[in-house]
Amino acid sequence: MSSGYVLIDVEPGSEYGVFEQASALPFVSDAQVLFGDHDMILKIEAESMGEIARLVVESVRSIKGVTNTKTLACAEL
């Protein structure tokens, strides 16, 4: 099992809608709204980092209001 965190920037005023949609995705195990450089963070769990990348591109980035994402891969030691 692989894990990653996705930092998300959204259009002003769309935070609540993006949070509701993103946190409901079945592969998201945690979602938090942030203050600071990014608007929210998601923890994603999947079978591989390739799967995480696919989920971010196909599901997270397609949410209306998302303007930018940055995915951080967790090290598998």
Protein backbone atom coordinates (compact mmCIF):
# COMPACT_ATOMS: atom_id res chain seq x y z
CA MET A 1 0.00 0.00 0.00
CA SER A 2 1.31 3.46 -0.95
CA SER A 3 0.41 6.80 0.60
CA GLY A 4 0.73 10.34 -0.60
CA TYR A 5 -0.37 13.81 0.40
CA VAL A 6 -1.86 16.25 -2.07
CA LEU A 7 -1.66 20.00 -1.44
CA ILE A 8 -4.51 21.75 -3.23
CA ASP A 9 -5.08 25.36 -4.27
CA VAL A 10 -8.63 26.41 -5.13
CA GLU A 11 -10.47 29.38 -6.57
CA PRO A 12 -11.50 31.88 -3.89
CA GLY A 13 -14.92 31.04 -2.51
CA SER A 14 -14.89 27.42 -3.67
CA GLU A 15 -13.17 25.95 -0.61
CA TYR A 16 -16.26 24.35 0.90
CA GLY A 17 -17.44 22.72 -2.35
CA VAL A 18 -14.00 21.38 -3.23
CA PHE A 19 -13.53 20.06 0.31
CA GLU A 20 -16.90 18.27 0.25
CA GLN A 21 -16.17 16.58 -3.09
CA ALA A 22 -12.53 15.73 -2.37
CA SER A 23 -13.14 14.32 1.11
CA ALA A 24 -15.89 12.05 -0.28
CA LEU A 25 -13.54 10.33 -2.74
CA PRO A 26 -13.13 6.66 -1.69
CA PHE A 27 -9.32 6.71 -1.80
CA VAL A 28 -9.00 9.80 0.45
CA SER A 29 -8.32 8.75 4.04
CA ASP A 30 -8.04 12.28 5.49
CA ALA A 31 -8.83 15.80 4.29
CA GLN A 32 -8.14 19.12 6.00
CA VAL A 33 -8.67 22.77 5.09
CA LEU A 34 -5.49 24.80 5.57
CA PHE A 35 -4.48 28.39 6.23
CA GLY A 36 -1.28 29.47 4.50
CA ASP A 37 0.31 28.72 1.16
CA HIS A 38 -2.25 26.04 0.17
CA ASP A 39 -5.98 25.72 0.74
CA MET A 40 -6.29 22.05 1.67
CA ILE A 41 -4.46 18.77 2.02
CA LEU A 42 -5.60 15.23 1.25
CA LYS A 43 -4.08 11.94 2.31
CA ILE A 44 -4.47 9.37 -0.45
CA GLU A 45 -3.90 5.63 -0.15
CA ALA A 46 -3.66 3.26 -3.12
CA GLU A 47 -1.83 0.15 -4.31
CA SER A 48 1.07 2.08 -5.89
CA MET A 49 2.45 5.56 -6.49
CA GLY A 50 1.40 5.19 -10.12
CA GLU A 51 -2.17 4.63 -8.98
CA ILE A 52 -1.98 7.68 -6.73
CA ALA A 53 -0.76 9.78 -9.65
CA ARG A 54 -3.63 8.52 -11.81
CA LEU A 55 -6.21 9.25 -9.10
CA VAL A 56 -4.91 12.79 -8.62
CA VAL A 57 -4.98 13.55 -12.35
CA GLU A 58 -8.32 11.89 -13.09
CA SER A 59 -10.29 12.62 -9.91
CA VAL A 60 -8.81 15.41 -7.80
CA ARG A 61 -7.74 17.80 -10.56
CA SER A 62 -11.11 17.43 -12.27
CA ILE A 63 -13.02 18.88 -9.29
CA LYS A 64 -14.46 22.26 -10.27
CA GLY A 65 -12.57 24.99 -8.42
CA VAL A 66 -9.22 23.20 -8.13
CA THR A 67 -6.51 25.41 -9.64
CA ASN A 68 -3.30 23.61 -8.68
CA THR A 69 -2.10 20.44 -6.94
CA LYS A 70 1.22 19.27 -5.55
CA THR A 71 1.58 15.58 -4.70
CA LEU A 72 4.04 14.46 -2.04
CA ALA A 73 4.91 10.76 -2.09
CA CYS A 74 5.50 9.02 1.23
CA ALA A 75 8.74 7.07 1.43
CA GLU A 76 8.38 3.31 1.58
CA LEU A 77 11.26 2.17 3.80
